[in-house]
C-alpha atoms as a PDB file:
ATOM      1  CA  UNK A   1     123.561 112.442  92.543  1.00  0.00           C
ATOM      2  CA  UNK A   2     121.275 112.306  95.586  1.00  0.00           C
ATOM      3  CA  UNK A   3     119.854 109.010  96.739  1.00  0.00           C
ATOM      4  CA  UNK A   4     116.512 107.876  95.365  1.00  0.00           C
ATOM      5  CA  UNK A   5     114.415 105.084  96.824  1.00  0.00           C
ATOM      6  CA  UNK A   6     111.486 103.889  94.730  1.00  0.00           C
ATOM      7  CA  UNK A   7     108.888 102.776  97.275  1.00  0.00           C
ATOM      8  CA  UNK A   8     106.238 101.445  94.880  1.00  0.00           C
ATOM      9  CA  UNK A   9     107.596  99.119  92.227  1.00  0.00           C
ATOM     10  CA  UNK A  10     106.786  95.518  91.411  1.00  0.00           C
ATOM     11  CA  UNK A  11     108.429  92.147  91.073  1.00  0.00           C
ATOM     12  CA  UNK A  12     107.385  88.596  90.272  1.00  0.00           C
ATOM     13  CA  UNK A  13     109.523  86.285  92.424  1.00  0.00           C
ATOM     14  CA  UNK A  14     110.376  83.105  90.574  1.00  0.00           C
ATOM     15  CA  UNK A  15     109.165  80.504  93.091  1.00  0.00           C
ATOM     16  CA  UNK A  16     105.990  82.459  93.684  1.00  0.00           C
ATOM     17  CA  UNK A  17     105.334  82.750  89.942  1.00  0.00           C
ATOM     18  CA  UNK A  18     105.763  79.012  89.490  1.00  0.00           C
ATOM     19  CA  UNK A  19     103.467  78.329  92.425  1.00  0.00           C
ATOM     20  CA  UNK A  20     100.683  80.624  91.224  1.00  0.00           C
ATOM     21  CA  UNK A  21     100.532  79.106  87.735  1.00  0.00           C
ATOM     22  CA  UNK A  22     100.628  75.612  89.227  1.00  0.00           C
ATOM     23  CA  UNK A  23      97.812  76.272  91.696  1.00  0.00           C
ATOM     24  CA  UNK A  24      95.518  78.491  89.665  1.00  0.00           C
ATOM     25  CA  UNK A  25      92.716  76.926  87.668  1.00  0.00           C
ATOM     26  CA  UNK A  26      93.563  77.590  84.015  1.00  0.00           C
ATOM     27  CA  UNK A  27      95.339  80.840  84.887  1.00  0.00           C
ATOM     28  CA  UNK A  28      92.058  82.630  85.556  1.00  0.00           C
ATOM     29  CA  UNK A  29      93.870  85.303  87.566  1.00  0.00           C
ATOM     30  CA  UNK A  30      95.148  86.773  84.280  1.00  0.00           C
ATOM     31  CA  UNK A  31      91.854  88.673  83.998  1.00  0.00           C
ATOM     32  CA  UNK A  32      92.865  90.629  87.111  1.00  0.00           C
ATOM     33  CA  UNK A  33      96.440  91.189  85.990  1.00  0.00           C
ATOM     34  CA  UNK A  34      98.173  93.874  83.944  1.00  0.00           C
ATOM     35  CA  UNK A  35      96.777  93.455  80.464  1.00  0.00           C
ATOM     36  CA  UNK A  36      99.927  92.228  78.752  1.00  0.00           C
ATOM     37  CA  UNK A  37     100.377  89.173  80.975  1.00  0.00           C
ATOM     38  CA  UNK A  38      98.446  86.576  78.984  1.00  0.00           C
ATOM     39  CA  UNK A  39     100.497  87.419  75.895  1.00  0.00           C
ATOM     40  CA  UNK A  40     103.949  87.650  77.416  1.00  0.00           C
ATOM     41  CA  UNK A  41     103.503  84.381  79.295  1.00  0.00           C
ATOM     42  CA  UNK A  42     102.870  82.675  75.960  1.00  0.00           C
ATOM     43  CA  UNK A  43     105.826  84.513  74.394  1.00  0.00           C
ATOM     44  CA  UNK A  44     103.482  86.003  71.784  1.00  0.00           C
ATOM     45  CA  UNK A  45     104.598  89.557  72.531  1.00  0.00           C
ATOM     46  CA  UNK A  46     107.952  89.592  74.337  1.00  0.00           C
ATOM     47  CA  UNK A  47     108.044  92.690  76.503  1.00  0.00           C
ATOM     48  CA  UNK A  48     110.790  94.080  78.656  1.00  0.00           C
ATOM     49  CA  UNK A  49     108.444  94.722  81.554  1.00  0.00           C
ATOM     50  CA  UNK A  50     107.682  91.026  81.971  1.00  0.00           C
ATOM     51  CA  UNK A  51     111.363  90.193  81.704  1.00  0.00           C
ATOM     52  CA  UNK A  52     112.235  92.751  84.381  1.00  0.00           C
ATOM     53  CA  UNK A  53     109.436  91.429  86.585  1.00  0.00           C
ATOM     54  CA  UNK A  54     110.595  87.829  86.467  1.00  0.00           C
ATOM     55  CA  UNK A  55     114.301  87.877  85.566  1.00  0.00           C
ATOM     56  CA  UNK A  56     116.659  89.396  88.132  1.00  0.00           C
ATOM     57  CA  UNK A  57     119.551  89.805  85.701  1.00  0.00           C
ATOM     58  CA  UNK A  58     117.337  91.708  83.260  1.00  0.00           C
ATOM     59  CA  UNK A  59     116.165  93.871  86.143  1.00  0.00           C
ATOM     60  CA  UNK A  60     119.673  94.558  87.407  1.00  0.00           C
ATOM     61  CA  UNK A  61     120.846  95.670  83.944  1.00  0.00           C
ATOM     62  CA  UNK A  62     118.134  98.327  83.963  1.00  0.00           C
ATOM     63  CA  UNK A  63     118.719  99.419  87.560  1.00  0.00           C
ATOM     64  CA  UNK A  64     122.446  99.809  86.896  1.00  0.00           C
ATOM     65  CA  UNK A  65     121.577 102.580  84.437  1.00  0.00           C
ATOM     66  CA  UNK A  66     120.313 104.789  87.281  1.00  0.00           C
ATOM     67  CA  UNK A  67     122.830 106.139  89.764  1.00  0.00           C
ATOM     68  CA  UNK A  68     122.093 105.909  93.520  1.00  0.00           C
ATOM     69  CA  UNK A  69     118.724 104.281  92.834  1.00  0.00           C
ATOM     70  CA  UNK A  70     117.167 101.450  94.887  1.00  0.00           C
ATOM     71  CA  UNK A  71     113.742  99.848  95.099  1.00  0.00           C
ATOM     72  CA  UNK A  72     111.235  98.719  97.701  1.00  0.00           C
ATOM     73  CA  UNK A  73     109.672  95.547  96.329  1.00  0.00           C
ATOM     74  CA  UNK A  74     105.983  94.676  96.100  1.00  0.00           C
ATOM     75  CA  UNK A  75     104.580  91.557  94.477  1.00  0.00           C
ATOM     76  CA  UNK A  76     102.833  92.398  91.216  1.00  0.00           C
ATOM     77  CA  UNK A  77      99.035  92.206  90.881  1.00  0.00           C
ATOM     78  CA  UNK A  78      96.697  90.408  91.157  1.00  0.00           C
ATOM     79  CA  UNK A  79      95.976  89.871  94.871  1.00  0.00           C
ATOM     80  CA  UNK A  80      97.018  86.498  96.196  1.00  0.00           C
ATOM     81  CA  UNK A  81      93.460  85.538  97.142  1.00  0.00           C
ATOM     82  CA  UNK A  82      92.415  85.907  93.492  1.00  0.00           C
ATOM     83  CA  UNK A  83      94.930  83.269  92.433  1.00  0.00           C
ATOM     84  CA  UNK A  84      94.128  80.555  94.961  1.00  0.00           C
ATOM     85  CA  UNK A  85      91.524  81.471  97.588  1.00  0.00           C
ATOM     86  CA  UNK A  86      91.774  78.090  99.300  1.00  0.00           C
ATOM     87  CA  UNK A  87      95.540  78.153  99.769  1.00  0.00           C
ATOM     88  CA  UNK A  88      96.221  81.898  99.809  1.00  0.00           C
ATOM     89  CA  UNK A  89      98.054  81.670 103.140  1.00  0.00           C
ATOM     90  CA  UNK A  90     100.716  79.343 101.743  1.00  0.00           C
ATOM     91  CA  UNK A  91     101.125  81.458  98.599  1.00  0.00           C
ATOM     92  CA  UNK A  92     101.687  84.535 100.747  1.00  0.00           C
ATOM     93  CA  UNK A  93     104.398  82.735 102.709  1.00  0.00           C
ATOM     94  CA  UNK A  94     106.168  81.701  99.508  1.00  0.00           C
ATOM     95  CA  UNK A  95     106.077  85.272  98.196  1.00  0.00           C
ATOM     96  CA  UNK A  96     107.193  86.920 101.429  1.00  0.00           C
ATOM     97  CA  UNK A  97     109.998  84.471 102.098  1.00  0.00           C
ATOM     98  CA  UNK A  98     111.323  85.122  98.616  1.00  0.00           C
ATOM     99  CA  UNK A  99     111.062  88.904  99.007  1.00  0.00           C
ATOM    100  CA  UNK A 100     113.020  88.747 102.260  1.00  0.00           C
ATOM    101  CA  UNK A 101     115.718  86.661 100.583  1.00  0.00           C
ATOM    102  CA  UNK A 102     116.046  89.157  97.738  1.00  0.00           C
ATOM    103  CA  UNK A 103     116.420  92.135 100.069  1.00  0.00           C
ATOM    104  CA  UNK A 104     119.011  90.350 102.182  1.00  0.00           C
ATOM    105  CA  UNK A 105     120.978  89.118  99.169  1.00  0.00           C
ATOM    106  CA  UNK A 106     120.880  92.300  97.056  1.00  0.00           C
ATOM    107  CA  UNK A 107     120.834  95.353  99.363  1.00  0.00           C
ATOM    108  CA  UNK A 108     122.620  97.373  96.682  1.00  0.00           C
ATOM    109  CA  UNK A 109     119.465  97.136  94.544  1.00  0.00           C
ATOM    110  CA  UNK A 110     116.685  96.677  97.086  1.00  0.00           C
ATOM    111  CA  UNK A 111     116.124  99.005 100.026  1.00  0.00           C
ATOM    112  CA  UNK A 112     113.339  96.816 101.380  1.00  0.00           C
ATOM    113  CA  UNK A 113     110.093  95.017 100.592  1.00  0.00           C
ATOM    114  CA  UNK A 114     106.505  94.924 101.806  1.00  0.00           C
ATOM    115  CA  UNK A 115     104.465  91.823 102.514  1.00  0.00           C
ATOM    116  CA  UNK A 116     101.606  90.301 100.558  1.00  0.00           C
ATOM    117  CA  UNK A 117      98.723  89.014 102.664  1.00  0.00           C
ATOM    118  CA  UNK A 118      95.979  86.373 102.248  1.00  0.00           C
ATOM    119  CA  UNK A 119      93.235  88.867 102.966  1.00  0.00           C
ATOM    120  CA  UNK A 120      90.356  86.512 102.220  1.00  0.00           C
ATOM    121  CA  UNK A 121      91.423  84.850 105.492  1.00  0.00           C
ATOM    122  CA  UNK A 122      91.737  87.808 107.891  1.00  0.00           C
ATOM    123  CA  UNK A 123      93.109  85.788 110.819  1.00  0.00           C
ATOM    124  CA  UNK A 124      95.743  84.213 108.594  1.00  0.00           C
ATOM    125  CA  UNK A 125      96.530  87.627 107.111  1.00  0.00           C
ATOM    126  CA  UNK A 126      97.167  88.986 110.586  1.00  0.00           C
ATOM    127  CA  UNK A 127      99.505  86.093 111.407  1.00  0.00           C
ATOM    128  CA  UNK A 128     101.381  86.498 108.136  1.00  0.00           C
ATOM    129  CA  UNK A 129     101.754  90.251 108.598  1.00  0.00           C
ATOM    130  CA  UNK A 130     103.186  89.636 112.061  1.00  0.00           C
ATOM    131  CA  UNK A 131     105.611  87.009 110.737  1.00  0.00           C
ATOM    132  CA  UNK A 132     106.653  89.140 107.762  1.00  0.00           C
ATOM    133  CA  UNK A 133     107.390  92.209 109.867  1.00  0.00           C
ATOM    134  CA  UNK A 134     108.820  90.560 112.980  1.00  0.00           C
ATOM    135  CA  UNK A 135     110.712  87.593 111.503  1.00  0.00           C
ATOM    136  CA  UNK A 136     111.367  88.538 107.881  1.00  0.00           C
ATOM    137  CA  UNK A 137     111.976  92.251 108.627  1.00  0.00           C
ATOM    138  CA  UNK A 138     109.749  93.417 105.788  1.00  0.00           C
ATOM    139  CA  UNK A 139     108.923  97.115 105.908  1.00  0.00           C
ATOM    140  CA  UNK A 140     105.142  97.159 105.615  1.00  0.00           C
ATOM    141  CA  UNK A 141     102.268  95.450 103.824  1.00  0.00           C
ATOM    142  CA  UNK A 142     100.551  95.778 100.467  1.00  0.00           C
ATOM    143  CA  UNK A 143      96.747  95.896 100.486  1.00  0.00           C
ATOM    144  CA  UNK A 144      94.538  95.928  97.419  1.00  0.00           C
ATOM    145  CA  UNK A 145      91.509  98.165  97.055  1.00  0.00           C
ATOM    146  CA  UNK A 146      89.081  95.306  97.662  1.00  0.00           C
ATOM    147  CA  UNK A 147      89.211  91.714  98.827  1.00  0.00           C
ATOM    148  CA  UNK A 148      87.366  89.552  96.311  1.00  0.00           C
ATOM    149  CA  UNK A 149      84.842  92.362  96.065  1.00  0.00           C
ATOM    150  CA  UNK A 150      84.696  93.203  99.774  1.00  0.00           C
ATOM    151  CA  UNK A 151      85.475  96.779 100.915  1.00  0.00           C
ATOM    152  CA  UNK A 152      88.434  97.352 103.212  1.00  0.00           C
ATOM    153  CA  UNK A 153      86.403  99.100 105.930  1.00  0.00           C
ATOM    154  CA  UNK A 154      84.597  95.912 106.971  1.00  0.00           C
ATOM    155  CA  UNK A 155      85.189  94.941 110.626  1.00  0.00           C
ATOM    156  CA  UNK A 156      87.016  91.757 109.614  1.00  0.00           C
ATOM    157  CA  UNK A 157      89.903  93.809 108.190  1.00  0.00           C
ATOM    158  CA  UNK A 158      90.157  96.299 111.035  1.00  0.00           C
ATOM    159  CA  UNK A 159      92.845  94.306 112.924  1.00  0.00           C
ATOM    160  CA  UNK A 160      95.250  94.736 109.980  1.00  0.00           C
ATOM    161  CA  UNK A 161      94.941  98.506 110.194  1.00  0.00           C
ATOM    162  CA  UNK A 162      95.369  98.378 113.958  1.00  0.00           C
ATOM    163  CA  UNK A 163      98.519  96.264 113.641  1.00  0.00           C
ATOM    164  CA  UNK A 164     100.089  98.591 111.092  1.00  0.00           C
ATOM    165  CA  UNK A 165      99.299 101.606 113.268  1.00  0.00           C
ATOM    166  CA  UNK A 166     100.965  99.877 116.209  1.00  0.00           C
ATOM    167  CA  UNK A 167     104.040  98.960 114.161  1.00  0.00           C
ATOM    168  CA  UNK A 168     104.105 102.477 112.680  1.00  0.00           C
ATOM    169  CA  UNK A 169     104.875 101.025 109.253  1.00  0.00           C
ATOM    170  CA  UNK A 170     103.234 101.869 105.937  1.00  0.00           C
ATOM    171  CA  UNK A 171     100.429 100.226 104.028  1.00  0.00           C
ATOM    172  CA  UNK A 172     100.870 100.376 100.262  1.00  0.00           C
ATOM    173  CA  UNK A 173      97.422 100.573  98.657  1.00  0.00           C
ATOM    174  CA  UNK A 174      97.193  99.113  95.146  1.00  0.00           C
ATOM    175  CA  UNK A 175      94.064  99.003  92.982  1.00  0.00           C
ATOM    176  CA  UNK A 176      92.348  95.728  92.067  1.00  0.00           C
ATOM    177  CA  UNK A 177      89.808  95.537  89.269  1.00  0.00           C
ATOM    178  CA  UNK A 178      89.222  92.868  86.611  1.00  0.00           C
ATOM    179  CA  UNK A 179      88.479  93.165  82.914  1.00  0.00           C
ATOM    180  CA  UNK A 180      85.340  91.207  83.811  1.00  0.00           C
ATOM    181  CA  UNK A 181      84.121  94.311  85.671  1.00  0.00           C
ATOM    182  CA  UNK A 182      82.005  96.001  82.968  1.00  0.00           C
ATOM    183  CA  UNK A 183      81.957  99.737  82.505  1.00  0.00           C
ATOM    184  CA  UNK A 184      78.317  99.577  81.404  1.00  0.00           C
ATOM    185  CA  UNK A 185      75.606  97.368  82.888  1.00  0.00           C
ATOM    186  CA  UNK A 186      74.509  96.200  79.435  1.00  0.00           C
ATOM    187  CA  UNK A 187      77.898  94.616  78.760  1.00  0.00           C
ATOM    188  CA  UNK A 188      79.689  91.607  80.215  1.00  0.00           C
ATOM    189  CA  UNK A 189      83.218  93.002  80.456  1.00  0.00           C
ATOM    190  CA  UNK A 190      85.277  96.150  80.145  1.00  0.00           C
ATOM    191  CA  UNK A 191      86.618  97.143  76.746  1.00  0.00           C
ATOM    192  CA  UNK A 192      89.634  99.106  75.539  1.00  0.00           C
ATOM    193  CA  UNK A 193      91.518  98.733  78.838  1.00  0.00           C
ATOM    194  CA  UNK A 194      89.109 101.103  80.579  1.00  0.00           C
ATOM    195  CA  UNK A 195      89.059  98.709  83.561  1.00  0.00           C
ATOM    196  CA  UNK A 196      92.792  99.211  84.091  1.00  0.00           C
ATOM    197  CA  UNK A 197      93.732 102.643  82.747  1.00  0.00           C
ATOM    198  CA  UNK A 198      90.802 104.487  84.350  1.00  0.00           C
ATOM    199  CA  UNK A 199      89.193 101.832  86.556  1.00  0.00           C
ATOM    200  CA  UNK A 200      92.231 101.318  88.746  1.00  0.00           C
ATOM    201  CA  UNK A 201      92.513 104.971  89.864  1.00  0.00           C
ATOM    202  CA  UNK A 202      88.784 104.919  90.587  1.00  0.00           C
ATOM    203  CA  UNK A 203      89.214 101.725  92.645  1.00  0.00           C
ATOM    204  CA  UNK A 204      91.898 103.335  94.782  1.00  0.00           C
ATOM    205  CA  UNK A 205      89.779 106.449  95.255  1.00  0.00           C
ATOM    206  CA  UNK A 206      86.752 104.409  96.301  1.00  0.00           C
ATOM    207  CA  UNK A 207      88.890 102.495  98.802  1.00  0.00           C
ATOM    208  CA  UNK A 208      90.203 105.773 100.218  1.00  0.00           C
ATOM    209  CA  UNK A 209      86.642 107.025 100.678  1.00  0.00           C
ATOM    210  CA  UNK A 210      85.604 103.836 102.459  1.00  0.00           C
ATOM    211  CA  UNK A 211      88.623 104.098 104.749  1.00  0.00           C
ATOM    212  CA  UNK A 212      87.682 107.691 105.548  1.00  0.00           C
ATOM    213  CA  UNK A 213      83.951 107.193 106.116  1.00  0.00           C
ATOM    214  CA  UNK A 214      84.482 103.799 107.710  1.00  0.00           C
ATOM    215  CA  UNK A 215      86.274 105.660 110.507  1.00  0.00           C
ATOM    216  CA  UNK A 216      89.603 103.884 110.113  1.00  0.00           C
ATOM    217  CA  UNK A 217      91.653 107.092 110.026  1.00  0.00           C
ATOM    218  CA  UNK A 218      89.631 108.451 112.928  1.00  0.00           C
ATOM    219  CA  UNK A 219      90.410 105.359 114.973  1.00  0.00           C
ATOM    220  CA  UNK A 220      94.076 105.113 113.893  1.00  0.00           C
ATOM    221  CA  UNK A 221      95.162 108.675 113.045  1.00  0.00           C
ATOM    222  CA  UNK A 222      98.837 107.750 112.695  1.00  0.00           C
ATOM    223  CA  UNK A 223      98.231 105.272 109.857  1.00  0.00           C
ATOM    224  CA  UNK A 224     100.547 105.651 106.876  1.00  0.00           C
ATOM    225  CA  UNK A 225      98.703 104.600 103.707  1.00  0.00           C
ATOM    226  CA  UNK A 226     100.623 105.194 100.474  1.00  0.00           C
ATOM    227  CA  UNK A 227      98.188 105.261  97.548  1.00  0.00           C
ATOM    228  CA  UNK A 228      99.535 104.167  94.178  1.00  0.00           C
ATOM    229  CA  UNK A 229      99.353 106.382  91.076  1.00  0.00           C
ATOM    230  CA  UNK A 230      99.865 109.635  92.973  1.00  0.00           C
ATOM    231  CA  UNK A 231      96.932 109.301  95.341  1.00  0.00           C
ATOM    232  CA  UNK A 232      94.537 108.329  92.549  1.00  0.00           C
ATOM    233  CA  UNK A 233      91.832 110.940  91.810  1.00  0.00           C
ATOM    234  CA  UNK A 234      91.833 112.718  95.140  1.00  0.00           C
ATOM    235  CA  UNK A 235      94.260 115.607  94.730  1.00  0.00           C
ATOM    236  CA  UNK A 236      92.798 116.656  91.378  1.00  0.00           C
ATOM    237  CA  UNK A 237      89.230 116.511  92.721  1.00  0.00           C
ATOM    238  CA  UNK A 238      90.000 118.086  96.083  1.00  0.00           C
ATOM    239  CA  UNK A 239      87.625 120.983  95.473  1.00  0.00           C
ATOM    240  CA  UNK A 240      84.798 118.702  94.445  1.00  0.00           C
ATOM    241  CA  UNK A 241      85.398 116.485  97.479  1.00  0.00           C
ATOM    242  CA  UNK A 242      85.107 119.436  99.843  1.00  0.00           C
ATOM    243  CA  UNK A 243      82.107 120.933  98.061  1.00  0.00           C
ATOM    244  CA  UNK A 244      80.047 117.771  97.525  1.00  0.00           C
ATOM    245  CA  UNK A 245      80.596 116.219 100.934  1.00  0.00           C
ATOM    246  CA  UNK A 246      79.668 119.533 102.540  1.00  0.00           C
ATOM    247  CA  UNK A 247      76.541 119.875 100.412  1.00  0.00           C
ATOM    248  CA  UNK A 248      75.388 116.323 101.064  1.00  0.00           C
ATOM    249  CA  UNK A 249      76.600 116.016 104.641  1.00  0.00           C
ATOM    250  CA  UNK A 250      73.156 115.029 106.033  1.00  0.00           C
ATOM    251  CA  UNK A 251      73.076 112.037 103.673  1.00  0.00           C
ATOM    252  CA  UNK A 252      76.460 110.548 104.543  1.00  0.00           C
ATOM    253  CA  UNK A 253      76.083 111.337 108.252  1.00  0.00           C
ATOM    254  CA  UNK A 254      72.833 109.373 108.263  1.00  0.00           C
ATOM    255  CA  UNK A 255      74.405 106.532 106.281  1.00  0.00           C
ATOM    256  CA  UNK A 256      77.394 106.115 108.603  1.00  0.00           C
ATOM    257  CA  UNK A 257      75.392 106.742 111.749  1.00  0.00           C
ATOM    258  CA  UNK A 258      77.087 109.960 112.837  1.00  0.00           C
ATOM    259  CA  UNK A 259      79.452 112.734 111.754  1.00  0.00           C
ATOM    260  CA  UNK A 260      83.218 112.647 111.512  1.00  0.00           C
ATOM    261  CA  UNK A 261      85.234 114.576 114.059  1.00  0.00           C
ATOM    262  CA  UNK A 262      87.041 116.653 111.435  1.00  0.00           C
ATOM    263  CA  UNK A 263      86.155 117.986 107.975  1.00  0.00           C
ATOM    264  CA  UNK A 264      86.089 115.211 105.380  1.00  0.00           C
ATOM    265  CA  UNK A 265      88.851 116.703 103.256  1.00  0.00           C
ATOM    266  CA  UNK A 266      91.279 116.642 106.196  1.00  0.00           C
ATOM    267  CA  UNK A 267      91.024 112.859 106.374  1.00  0.00           C
ATOM    268  CA  UNK A 268      91.806 112.581 102.668  1.00  0.00           C
ATOM    269  CA  UNK A 269      94.906 114.715 103.289  1.00  0.00           C
ATOM    270  CA  UNK A 270      96.097 112.025 105.732  1.00  0.00           C
ATOM    271  CA  UNK A 271      96.953 109.651 102.888  1.00  0.00           C
ATOM    272  CA  UNK A 272     100.314 109.517 101.155  1.00  0.00           C
ATOM    273  CA  UNK A 273     100.883 109.539  97.392  1.00  0.00           C
ATOM    274  CA  UNK A 274     103.626 108.169  95.179  1.00  0.00           C
ATOM    275  CA  UNK A 275     104.831 109.793  91.941  1.00  0.00           C
ATOM    276  CA  UNK A 276     103.670 107.158  89.433  1.00  0.00           C
ATOM    277  CA  UNK A 277     101.809 109.490  87.075  1.00  0.00           C
ATOM    278  CA  UNK A 278     104.920 110.827  85.371  1.00  0.00           C
ATOM    279  CA  UNK A 279     104.068 114.534  85.043  1.00  0.00           C
ATOM    280  CA  UNK A 280     105.274 117.534  86.996  1.00  0.00           C
ATOM    281  CA  UNK A 281     101.718 118.886  87.106  1.00  0.00           C
ATOM    282  CA  UNK A 282     100.294 115.783  88.796  1.00  0.00           C
ATOM    283  CA  UNK A 283     103.095 115.652  91.350  1.00  0.00           C
ATOM    284  CA  UNK A 284     102.746 119.355  92.071  1.00  0.00           C
ATOM    285  CA  UNK A 285      98.991 118.853  92.515  1.00  0.00           C
ATOM    286  CA  UNK A 286      99.606 116.008  94.958  1.00  0.00           C
ATOM    287  CA  UNK A 287     102.206 118.019  96.883  1.00  0.00           C
ATOM    288  CA  UNK A 288      99.814 120.973  97.116  1.00  0.00           C
ATOM    289  CA  UNK A 289      97.037 118.777  98.517  1.00  0.00           C
ATOM    290  CA  UNK A 290      98.720 116.083 100.612  1.00  0.00           C
ATOM    291  CA  UNK A 291     101.785 118.151 101.493  1.00  0.00           C
ATOM    292  CA  UNK A 292     105.357 117.408 100.446  1.00  0.00           C
ATOM    293  CA  UNK A 293     105.894 115.271 103.549  1.00  0.00           C
ATOM    294  CA  UNK A 294     103.168 112.951 102.211  1.00  0.00           C
ATOM    295  CA  UNK A 295     104.615 112.443  98.717  1.00  0.00           C
ATOM    296  CA  UNK A 296     107.135 109.651  98.095  1.00  0.00           C
ATOM    297  CA  UNK A 297     109.150 108.619  95.071  1.00  0.00           C
ATOM    298  CA  UNK A 298     107.350 105.613  93.603  1.00  0.00           C
ATOM    299  CA  UNK A 299     107.372 104.784  89.910  1.00  0.00           C
ATOM    300  CA  UNK A 300     105.351 101.600  89.203  1.00  0.00           C
ATOM    301  CA  UNK A 301     108.465 100.119  87.563  1.00  0.00           C
ATOM    302  CA  UNK A 302     108.823  97.920  85.610  1.00  0.00           C
ATOM    303  CA  UNK A 303     105.303  98.320  84.187  1.00  0.00           C
ATOM    304  CA  UNK A 304     106.165 100.064  80.929  1.00  0.00           C
ATOM    305  CA  UNK A 305     107.442  99.090  77.492  1.00  0.00           C
ATOM    306  CA  UNK A 306     111.029  99.817  78.541  1.00  0.00           C
ATOM    307  CA  UNK A 307     111.057  97.461  81.508  1.00  0.00           C
ATOM    308  CA  UNK A 308     111.011 100.277  84.037  1.00  0.00           C
ATOM    309  CA  UNK A 309     113.295 102.726  82.276  1.00  0.00           C
ATOM    310  CA  UNK A 310     110.381 104.954  81.276  1.00  0.00           C
ATOM    311  CA  UNK A 311     108.769 104.902  84.719  1.00  0.00           C
ATOM    312  CA  UNK A 312     111.996 105.659  86.586  1.00  0.00           C
ATOM    313  CA  UNK A 313     113.197 108.257  84.087  1.00  0.00           C
ATOM    314  CA  UNK A 314     109.889 110.098  83.738  1.00  0.00           C
ATOM    315  CA  UNK A 315     109.058 110.052  87.459  1.00  0.00           C
ATOM    316  CA  UNK A 316     112.490 111.468  88.201  1.00  0.00           C
ATOM    317  CA  UNK A 317     112.148 114.147  85.526  1.00  0.00           C
ATOM    318  CA  UNK A 318     108.658 115.093  86.729  1.00  0.00           C
ATOM    319  CA  UNK A 319     109.944 115.759  90.226  1.00  0.00           C
ATOM    320  CA  UNK A 320     112.989 117.632  88.993  1.00  0.00           C
ATOM    321  CA  UNK A 321     110.923 119.789  86.610  1.00  0.00           C
ATOM    322  CA  UNK A 322     108.326 120.650  89.222  1.00  0.00           C
ATOM    323  CA  UNK A 323     108.346 124.017  90.973  1.00  0.00           C
ATOM    324  CA  UNK A 324     109.174 122.402  94.303  1.00  0.00           C
ATOM    325  CA  UNK A 325     112.194 123.622  96.225  1.00  0.00           C
ATOM    326  CA  UNK A 326     115.380 121.564  96.292  1.00  0.00           C
ATOM    327  CA  UNK A 327     114.849 120.446  99.884  1.00  0.00           C
ATOM    328  CA  UNK A 328     111.273 119.403  99.038  1.00  0.00           C
ATOM    329  CA  UNK A 329     112.484 117.292  96.136  1.00  0.00           C
ATOM    330  CA  UNK A 330     115.025 115.671  98.453  1.00  0.00           C
ATOM    331  CA  UNK A 331     112.193 114.714 100.793  1.00  0.00           C
ATOM    332  CA  UNK A 332     110.311 113.050  97.963  1.00  0.00           C
ATOM    333  CA  UNK A 333     113.322 111.218  96.557  1.00  0.00           C
ATOM    334  CA  UNK A 334     114.644 109.820  99.824  1.00  0.00           C
ATOM    335  CA  UNK A 335     113.966 111.502 103.144  1.00  0.00           C
ATOM    336  CA  UNK A 336     110.260 110.654 103.301  1.00  0.00           C
ATOM    337  CA  UNK A 337     111.198 107.021 102.719  1.00  0.00           C
ATOM    338  CA  UNK A 338     113.601 107.172 105.643  1.00  0.00           C
ATOM    339  CA  UNK A 339     110.910 108.557 107.909  1.00  0.00           C
ATOM    340  CA  UNK A 340     108.066 106.269 106.806  1.00  0.00           C
ATOM    341  CA  UNK A 341     110.040 103.032 106.825  1.00  0.00           C
ATOM    342  CA  UNK A 342     112.394 103.892 109.682  1.00  0.00           C
ATOM    343  CA  UNK A 343     111.056 101.348 112.164  1.00  0.00           C
ATOM    344  CA  UNK A 344     111.455  98.480 109.683  1.00  0.00           C
ATOM    345  CA  UNK A 345     115.122  98.124 110.620  1.00  0.00           C
ATOM    346  CA  UNK A 346     114.749  99.113 114.263  1.00  0.00           C
END
């Protein structure tokens, strides 16, 4: 079987997990975390996904079921600055050191890892990104869709984008939204998992729009930003994006203080998408919009009831059952990873 590298899956390194529970006030970050966390931590509902997040042996048993399969590691949500804003820099170092150790120790399972950053402290985030890439040999960085409510296109975050453009390494964009973010202004919190199931793709889409209209892709056209959950809402709404931003162009041009150099939809095509929506139709839609060269195999493992088995199996099947040509599927499974992360080992 051909090689497959899963570029967007999650892990909870042991020392980092211990540190975040020790430093957080009453575990408040749980409200920003995948919804099962507060139960699995208390052992009320034992789930394989939590075991595979935190227990390497449990993870390896699952990975051994899939031939020629390896992962690129990202630390699971929430963002580090949500856990301990005051000491986010030290937490990031703990996480990144542990990721680097895992990749070095288990190359058979892990093709690489990307760094977590203390983004509430932009100068510290820049230093940690430099250390993680230069010294730890990590293959990129993970950014969340907002930084304690701040949009990513603010000037204070621009140096991170510049650095990643200079290194020619990818940014993995993950959504961040809390259950305390209500879906209706008359309520105090989100119900029925709307904040996560539907709110997270919206968060990623909003961040993409701010990156576009904030001029980040205009300033750094070679940026590689891989958006979780198959590019969020963008590929499905491509027609609406083109139509609405053309219709209302005078409004957004006035708001940003000038036009963009290219049509809006072309900037949205500059993003990359993973395959973590598990259907052939969604992957085909993403490939049609972003282009096959901008679609990478990424499953969101182990965030399912089977500890990653479902995500890996269904993402693989979705690609294989799509109408893409064999060489296009090979790009998604492995070759696009080689190209995007190539300078990580240079």
